[in-house]
C-alpha atoms as a PDB file:
ATOM      1  CA  MET A   1     116.239  58.295 131.899  1.00  0.00           C
ATOM      2  CA  THR A   2     117.390  56.900 135.262  1.00  0.00           C
ATOM      3  CA  ARG A   3     114.768  56.293 138.027  1.00  0.00           C
ATOM      4  CA  PRO A   4     115.937  59.276 140.195  1.00  0.00           C
ATOM      5  CA  THR A   5     115.644  61.480 137.017  1.00  0.00           C
ATOM      6  CA  LEU A   6     112.103  60.184 136.383  1.00  0.00           C
ATOM      7  CA  ALA A   7     111.123  60.760 139.901  1.00  0.00           C
ATOM      8  CA  ALA A   8     112.494  64.284 139.864  1.00  0.00           C
ATOM      9  CA  ALA A   9     110.790  65.173 136.624  1.00  0.00           C
ATOM     10  CA  GLY A  10     107.624  63.802 137.865  1.00  0.00           C
ATOM     11  CA  ALA A  11     107.868  65.721 141.125  1.00  0.00           C
ATOM     12  CA  LEU A  12     108.750  68.972 139.328  1.00  0.00           C
ATOM     13  CA  THR A  13     105.823  68.580 136.998  1.00  0.00           C
ATOM     14  CA  LEU A  14     103.431  68.273 139.939  1.00  0.00           C
ATOM     15  CA  ALA A  15     105.119  71.356 141.656  1.00  0.00           C
ATOM     16  CA  GLY A  16     104.613  73.284 138.337  1.00  0.00           C
ATOM     17  CA  ALA A  17     101.065  72.301 138.071  1.00  0.00           C
ATOM     18  CA  TRP A  18     100.177  72.938 141.673  1.00  0.00           C
ATOM     19  CA  LEU A  19     102.288  75.754 142.922  1.00  0.00           C
ATOM     20  CA  GLY A  20     102.837  77.654 139.774  1.00  0.00           C
ATOM     21  CA  PRO A  21     100.392  80.146 138.117  1.00  0.00           C
ATOM     22  CA  LEU A  22      97.920  77.493 136.821  1.00  0.00           C
ATOM     23  CA  PRO A  23      95.770  77.212 140.015  1.00  0.00           C
ATOM     24  CA  GLU A  24      95.133  80.984 140.060  1.00  0.00           C
ATOM     25  CA  LEU A  25      94.544  81.051 136.269  1.00  0.00           C
ATOM     26  CA  ALA A  26      92.243  78.134 136.357  1.00  0.00           C
ATOM     27  CA  GLY A  27      89.476  80.177 138.067  1.00  0.00           C
ATOM     28  CA  ARG A  28      89.286  82.174 134.892  1.00  0.00           C
ATOM     29  CA  SER A  29      90.507  80.054 132.127  1.00  0.00           C
ATOM     30  CA  PHE A  30      89.201  76.531 131.191  1.00  0.00           C
ATOM     31  CA  ALA A  31      92.475  75.939 129.084  1.00  0.00           C
ATOM     32  CA  ALA A  32      94.556  76.619 132.200  1.00  0.00           C
ATOM     33  CA  HIS A  33      92.484  74.298 134.266  1.00  0.00           C
ATOM     34  CA  MET A  34      92.992  71.661 131.591  1.00  0.00           C
ATOM     35  CA  ALA A  35      96.712  72.270 131.339  1.00  0.00           C
ATOM     36  CA  MET A  36      96.899  71.570 135.220  1.00  0.00           C
ATOM     37  CA  HIS A  37      94.860  68.373 134.882  1.00  0.00           C
ATOM     38  CA  MET A  38      97.003  67.013 132.020  1.00  0.00           C
ATOM     39  CA  GLY A  39     100.149  67.861 133.851  1.00  0.00           C
ATOM     40  CA  VAL A  40      98.986  65.719 136.713  1.00  0.00           C
ATOM     41  CA  VAL A  41      97.608  62.662 135.019  1.00  0.00           C
ATOM     42  CA  ALA A  42      99.446  62.481 131.611  1.00  0.00           C
ATOM     43  CA  VAL A  43     102.969  63.775 132.513  1.00  0.00           C
ATOM     44  CA  ALA A  44     103.600  63.606 136.260  1.00  0.00           C
ATOM     45  CA  ALA A  45     101.846  60.224 137.023  1.00  0.00           C
ATOM     46  CA  PRO A  46     103.525  58.272 134.189  1.00  0.00           C
ATOM     47  CA  LEU A  47     106.885  59.671 135.029  1.00  0.00           C
ATOM     48  CA  LEU A  48     106.384  58.737 138.829  1.00  0.00           C
ATOM     49  CA  ALA A  49     105.091  55.404 137.946  1.00  0.00           C
ATOM     50  CA  LEU A  50     107.973  54.605 135.802  1.00  0.00           C
ATOM     51  CA  ALA A  51     110.522  55.709 138.520  1.00  0.00           C
ATOM     52  CA  VAL A  52     108.876  53.117 141.004  1.00  0.00           C
ATOM     53  CA  ALA A  53     107.731  50.218 138.578  1.00  0.00           C
ATOM     54  CA  GLY A  54     109.302  47.030 139.480  1.00  0.00           C
ATOM     55  CA  THR A  55     111.290  48.282 142.433  1.00  0.00           C
ATOM     56  CA  ARG A  56     110.878  47.548 146.135  1.00  0.00           C
ATOM     57  CA  TYR A  57     108.593  50.621 146.220  1.00  0.00           C
ATOM     58  CA  ASP A  58     106.194  49.361 143.716  1.00  0.00           C
ATOM     59  CA  PRO A  59     102.794  48.549 145.325  1.00  0.00           C
ATOM     60  CA  VAL A  60     101.746  46.464 142.375  1.00  0.00           C
ATOM     61  CA  ARG A  61     104.547  44.075 143.202  1.00  0.00           C
ATOM     62  CA  LYS A  62     103.430  43.682 146.686  1.00  0.00           C
ATOM     63  CA  TRP A  63      99.775  43.428 146.161  1.00  0.00           C
ATOM     64  CA  PRO A  64      98.910  42.668 142.551  1.00  0.00           C
ATOM     65  CA  PRO A  65      95.215  41.765 143.005  1.00  0.00           C
ATOM     66  CA  LEU A  66      94.665  45.288 144.162  1.00  0.00           C
ATOM     67  CA  PHE A  67      95.822  46.690 140.837  1.00  0.00           C
ATOM     68  CA  PRO A  68      93.651  45.335 138.064  1.00  0.00           C
ATOM     69  CA  PRO A  69      94.452  47.585 135.055  1.00  0.00           C
ATOM     70  CA  VAL A  70      91.157  47.605 133.023  1.00  0.00           C
ATOM     71  CA  PRO A  71      88.842  48.200 136.073  1.00  0.00           C
ATOM     72  CA  LEU A  72      91.147  50.916 137.298  1.00  0.00           C
ATOM     73  CA  SER A  73      90.964  52.614 133.937  1.00  0.00           C
ATOM     74  CA  ALA A  74      87.212  52.433 134.231  1.00  0.00           C
ATOM     75  CA  VAL A  75      87.590  54.108 137.624  1.00  0.00           C
ATOM     76  CA  GLU A  76      89.742  56.918 136.019  1.00  0.00           C
ATOM     77  CA  LEU A  77      87.043  57.372 133.378  1.00  0.00           C
ATOM     78  CA  VAL A  78      84.481  57.820 135.907  1.00  0.00           C
ATOM     79  CA  VAL A  79      86.644  60.374 137.882  1.00  0.00           C
ATOM     80  CA  VAL A  80      87.565  62.464 134.931  1.00  0.00           C
ATOM     81  CA  TRP A  81      84.067  62.645 133.375  1.00  0.00           C
ATOM     82  CA  ALA A  82      82.508  63.275 136.673  1.00  0.00           C
ATOM     83  CA  TRP A  83      84.816  66.255 137.381  1.00  0.00           C
ATOM     84  CA  HIS A  84      83.904  67.669 133.881  1.00  0.00           C
ATOM     85  CA  ALA A  85      80.065  67.743 134.827  1.00  0.00           C
ATOM     86  CA  PRO A  86      79.287  71.440 135.070  1.00  0.00           C
ATOM     87  CA  ALA A  87      78.265  71.462 138.721  1.00  0.00           C
ATOM     88  CA  LEU A  88      81.597  69.682 139.978  1.00  0.00           C
ATOM     89  CA  HIS A  89      83.696  71.598 137.609  1.00  0.00           C
ATOM     90  CA  HIS A  90      82.467  74.845 138.850  1.00  0.00           C
ATOM     91  CA  ALA A  91      83.144  73.845 142.436  1.00  0.00           C
ATOM     92  CA  ALA A  92      86.757  72.865 141.558  1.00  0.00           C
ATOM     93  CA  ARG A  93      87.401  76.038 139.793  1.00  0.00           C
ATOM     94  CA  HIS A  94      85.901  78.447 142.278  1.00  0.00           C
ATOM     95  CA  GLY A  95      86.801  76.933 145.681  1.00  0.00           C
ATOM     96  CA  ALA A  96      90.070  75.842 147.264  1.00  0.00           C
ATOM     97  CA  LEU A  97      88.520  72.699 148.871  1.00  0.00           C
ATOM     98  CA  GLY A  98      86.943  71.669 145.482  1.00  0.00           C
ATOM     99  CA  LEU A  99      90.101  72.206 143.560  1.00  0.00           C
ATOM    100  CA  ALA A 100      91.963  70.150 146.083  1.00  0.00           C
ATOM    101  CA  ALA A 101      89.667  67.318 145.915  1.00  0.00           C
ATOM    102  CA  GLU A 102      89.523  67.356 142.052  1.00  0.00           C
ATOM    103  CA  GLN A 103      93.445  67.367 141.764  1.00  0.00           C
ATOM    104  CA  GLY A 104      93.902  64.849 144.570  1.00  0.00           C
ATOM    105  CA  SER A 105      91.354  62.429 142.854  1.00  0.00           C
ATOM    106  CA  PHE A 106      93.025  63.126 139.426  1.00  0.00           C
ATOM    107  CA  PHE A 107      96.390  62.231 140.665  1.00  0.00           C
ATOM    108  CA  ALA A 108      95.197  59.267 142.531  1.00  0.00           C
ATOM    109  CA  ALA A 109      93.312  57.882 139.586  1.00  0.00           C
ATOM    110  CA  GLY A 110      96.150  58.537 137.211  1.00  0.00           C
ATOM    111  CA  MET A 111      98.708  56.911 139.537  1.00  0.00           C
ATOM    112  CA  LEU A 112      96.525  53.730 139.915  1.00  0.00           C
ATOM    113  CA  VAL A 113      96.204  53.350 136.103  1.00  0.00           C
ATOM    114  CA  TRP A 114      99.850  53.912 135.291  1.00  0.00           C
ATOM    115  CA  LEU A 115     101.066  51.811 138.199  1.00  0.00           C
ATOM    116  CA  SER A 116      98.762  48.930 137.273  1.00  0.00           C
ATOM    117  CA  ALA A 117      99.911  49.015 133.608  1.00  0.00           C
ATOM    118  CA  LEU A 118     103.572  49.480 134.215  1.00  0.00           C
ATOM    119  CA  GLY A 119     104.284  47.932 137.700  1.00  0.00           C
ATOM    120  CA  GLY A 120     104.544  44.376 139.009  1.00  0.00           C
ATOM    121  CA  GLY A 121     107.340  41.867 139.814  1.00  0.00           C
ATOM    122  CA  PRO A 122     109.654  40.009 137.588  1.00  0.00           C
ATOM    123  CA  GLY A 123     106.824  38.381 135.806  1.00  0.00           C
ATOM    124  CA  ARG A 124     105.010  41.596 135.154  1.00  0.00           C
ATOM    125  CA  GLU A 125     104.869  40.935 131.368  1.00  0.00           C
ATOM    126  CA  GLU A 126     101.988  38.673 132.250  1.00  0.00           C
ATOM    127  CA  ARG A 127      99.774  41.808 133.014  1.00  0.00           C
ATOM    128  CA  ALA A 128     101.091  43.728 129.969  1.00  0.00           C
ATOM    129  CA  GLY A 129      98.029  42.850 127.835  1.00  0.00           C
ATOM    130  CA  ALA A 130      95.600  44.157 130.434  1.00  0.00           C
ATOM    131  CA  GLY A 131      97.933  47.276 130.783  1.00  0.00           C
ATOM    132  CA  ILE A 132      97.855  47.769 127.158  1.00  0.00           C
ATOM    133  CA  ALA A 133      94.004  47.613 127.134  1.00  0.00           C
ATOM    134  CA  ALA A 134      93.620  49.936 130.156  1.00  0.00           C
ATOM    135  CA  LEU A 135      96.020  52.674 128.586  1.00  0.00           C
ATOM    136  CA  LEU A 136      94.328  52.582 125.201  1.00  0.00           C
ATOM    137  CA  LEU A 137      90.796  52.634 126.836  1.00  0.00           C
ATOM    138  CA  THR A 138      92.006  55.717 128.706  1.00  0.00           C
ATOM    139  CA  SER A 139      93.330  57.480 125.681  1.00  0.00           C
ATOM    140  CA  MET A 140      90.149  56.796 123.786  1.00  0.00           C
ATOM    141  CA  HIS A 141      87.844  58.355 126.477  1.00  0.00           C
ATOM    142  CA  MET A 142      90.202  61.423 126.940  1.00  0.00           C
ATOM    143  CA  THR A 143      90.330  61.853 123.133  1.00  0.00           C
ATOM    144  CA  LEU A 144      86.516  61.648 123.120  1.00  0.00           C
ATOM    145  CA  LEU A 145      86.107  64.145 125.891  1.00  0.00           C
ATOM    146  CA  GLY A 146      88.791  66.582 124.298  1.00  0.00           C
ATOM    147  CA  ALA A 147      86.968  66.400 121.032  1.00  0.00           C
ATOM    148  CA  LEU A 148      83.653  67.247 122.652  1.00  0.00           C
ATOM    149  CA  LEU A 149      85.111  70.121 124.319  1.00  0.00           C
ATOM    150  CA  ALA A 150      87.033  71.305 121.214  1.00  0.00           C
ATOM    151  CA  LEU A 151      84.146  70.864 118.810  1.00  0.00           C
ATOM    152  CA  ALA A 152      81.352  72.269 121.092  1.00  0.00           C
ATOM    153  CA  GLY A 153      79.309  75.121 119.460  1.00  0.00           C
ATOM    154  CA  ARG A 154      78.921  76.962 122.796  1.00  0.00           C
ATOM    155  CA  PRO A 155      80.643  77.381 126.175  1.00  0.00           C
ATOM    156  CA  LEU A 156      79.707  74.419 128.471  1.00  0.00           C
ATOM    157  CA  TYR A 157      81.011  76.209 131.666  1.00  0.00           C
ATOM    158  CA  ALA A 158      80.526  79.583 133.250  1.00  0.00           C
ATOM    159  CA  HIS A 159      84.030  81.062 133.037  1.00  0.00           C
ATOM    160  CA  HIS A 160      85.645  84.305 131.761  1.00  0.00           C
ATOM    161  CA  GLY A 161      87.943  82.885 129.269  1.00  0.00           C
ATOM    162  CA  ALA A 162      90.549  85.412 130.415  1.00  0.00           C
ATOM    163  CA  LEU A 163      93.537  83.815 128.641  1.00  0.00           C
ATOM    164  CA  ALA A 164      95.410  85.802 126.127  1.00  0.00           C
ATOM    165  CA  GLY A 165      92.269  87.592 125.393  1.00  0.00           C
ATOM    166  CA  LEU A 166      90.350  84.539 124.278  1.00  0.00           C
ATOM    167  CA  SER A 167      86.546  84.302 124.273  1.00  0.00           C
ATOM    168  CA  ALA A 168      84.917  81.674 126.649  1.00  0.00           C
ATOM    169  CA  LEU A 169      84.311  79.499 123.751  1.00  0.00           C
ATOM    170  CA  GLU A 170      87.736  79.823 122.279  1.00  0.00           C
ATOM    171  CA  ASP A 171      89.358  79.238 125.724  1.00  0.00           C
ATOM    172  CA  GLN A 172      87.118  75.968 126.038  1.00  0.00           C
ATOM    173  CA  ARG A 173      88.225  74.916 122.611  1.00  0.00           C
ATOM    174  CA  LEU A 174      91.771  75.343 123.331  1.00  0.00           C
ATOM    175  CA  GLY A 175      91.357  73.268 126.684  1.00  0.00           C
ATOM    176  CA  GLY A 176      89.867  70.455 124.501  1.00  0.00           C
ATOM    177  CA  VAL A 177      92.831  70.532 122.232  1.00  0.00           C
ATOM    178  CA  VAL A 178      95.153  70.395 125.250  1.00  0.00           C
ATOM    179  CA  MET A 179      93.383  67.278 126.311  1.00  0.00           C
ATOM    180  CA  LEU A 180      93.519  65.627 122.838  1.00  0.00           C
ATOM    181  CA  LEU A 181      97.084  66.286 122.459  1.00  0.00           C
ATOM    182  CA  VAL A 182      98.485  65.661 125.833  1.00  0.00           C
ATOM    183  CA  GLY A 183      96.077  63.267 127.480  1.00  0.00           C
ATOM    184  CA  GLY A 184      95.100  61.170 124.454  1.00  0.00           C
ATOM    185  CA  VAL A 185      98.863  61.007 123.081  1.00  0.00           C
ATOM    186  CA  SER A 186     100.307  60.228 126.497  1.00  0.00           C
ATOM    187  CA  TYR A 187      98.050  57.219 127.200  1.00  0.00           C
ATOM    188  CA  LEU A 188      98.305  56.086 123.581  1.00  0.00           C
ATOM    189  CA  ALA A 189     102.076  56.335 123.702  1.00  0.00           C
ATOM    190  CA  GLY A 190     102.208  54.261 126.857  1.00  0.00           C
ATOM    191  CA  GLY A 191      99.896  51.525 125.429  1.00  0.00           C
ATOM    192  CA  LEU A 192     102.085  51.339 122.347  1.00  0.00           C
ATOM    193  CA  TRP A 193     105.307  51.323 124.386  1.00  0.00           C
ATOM    194  CA  LEU A 194     103.884  48.249 126.332  1.00  0.00           C
ATOM    195  CA  THR A 195     102.813  46.531 123.078  1.00  0.00           C
ATOM    196  CA  TYR A 196     106.339  46.983 121.713  1.00  0.00           C
ATOM    197  CA  GLY A 197     107.965  45.530 124.847  1.00  0.00           C
ATOM    198  CA  LEU A 198     105.539  42.682 124.835  1.00  0.00           C
ATOM    199  CA  LEU A 199     106.116  41.857 121.171  1.00  0.00           C
ATOM    200  CA  ARG A 200     109.901  42.089 121.592  1.00  0.00           C
ATOM    201  CA  ARG A 201     109.930  39.823 124.677  1.00  0.00           C
ATOM    202  CA  ARG A 202     107.742  37.142 122.777  1.00  0.00           C
ATOM    203  CA  SER A 203     110.153  37.248 119.829  1.00  0.00           C
ATOM    204  CA  GLU A 204     113.232  36.834 122.137  1.00  0.00           C
ATOM    205  CA  VAL A 205     111.486  33.746 123.751  1.00  0.00           C
ATOM    206  CA  ARG A 206     110.808  32.180 120.253  1.00  0.00           C
ATOM    207  CA  ALA A 207     114.323  32.847 119.074  1.00  0.00           C
END
């Protein structure tokens, strides 16, 4: 994909997540809320980061010390797990201000991690190792949270589960599966892609 195509795809994904039916459905369905979350951090954020990485618009290229990949992945861990605590999750699902704060923090944290891993100047391969660690760490904690939600024996949140006639527990489990498949796989794929690029460049240097 070209950079304009990546940027357009990322922007369209954000528009679909925030301006489509998901925000309304999220008040009743945990799975819809999770789909919106994953669309923002695991689809839109990497597309937008890829669109600007290495260009003159890349903030990592201008201020590399402000974008340490592993610490920023820890920040995203705190943001994601905090918003899945019952009280904050309830505030996000049942109030416009809470939802805006949640989605804004998800997008900011996601962009910081993806940019820190993918961005930088001509020598950005030097930060590839830290970027790989950051993306794999994020994949691991999203997989863990998704598994906890999918395997829970009771609903963890007060919601109606009104999505395709699912019960509250079924709806929660579906949301956990969405996080496993979209969140875990997206960050894992990013880490593997960086690993492949790093190994390829090292083999070219040796050759």
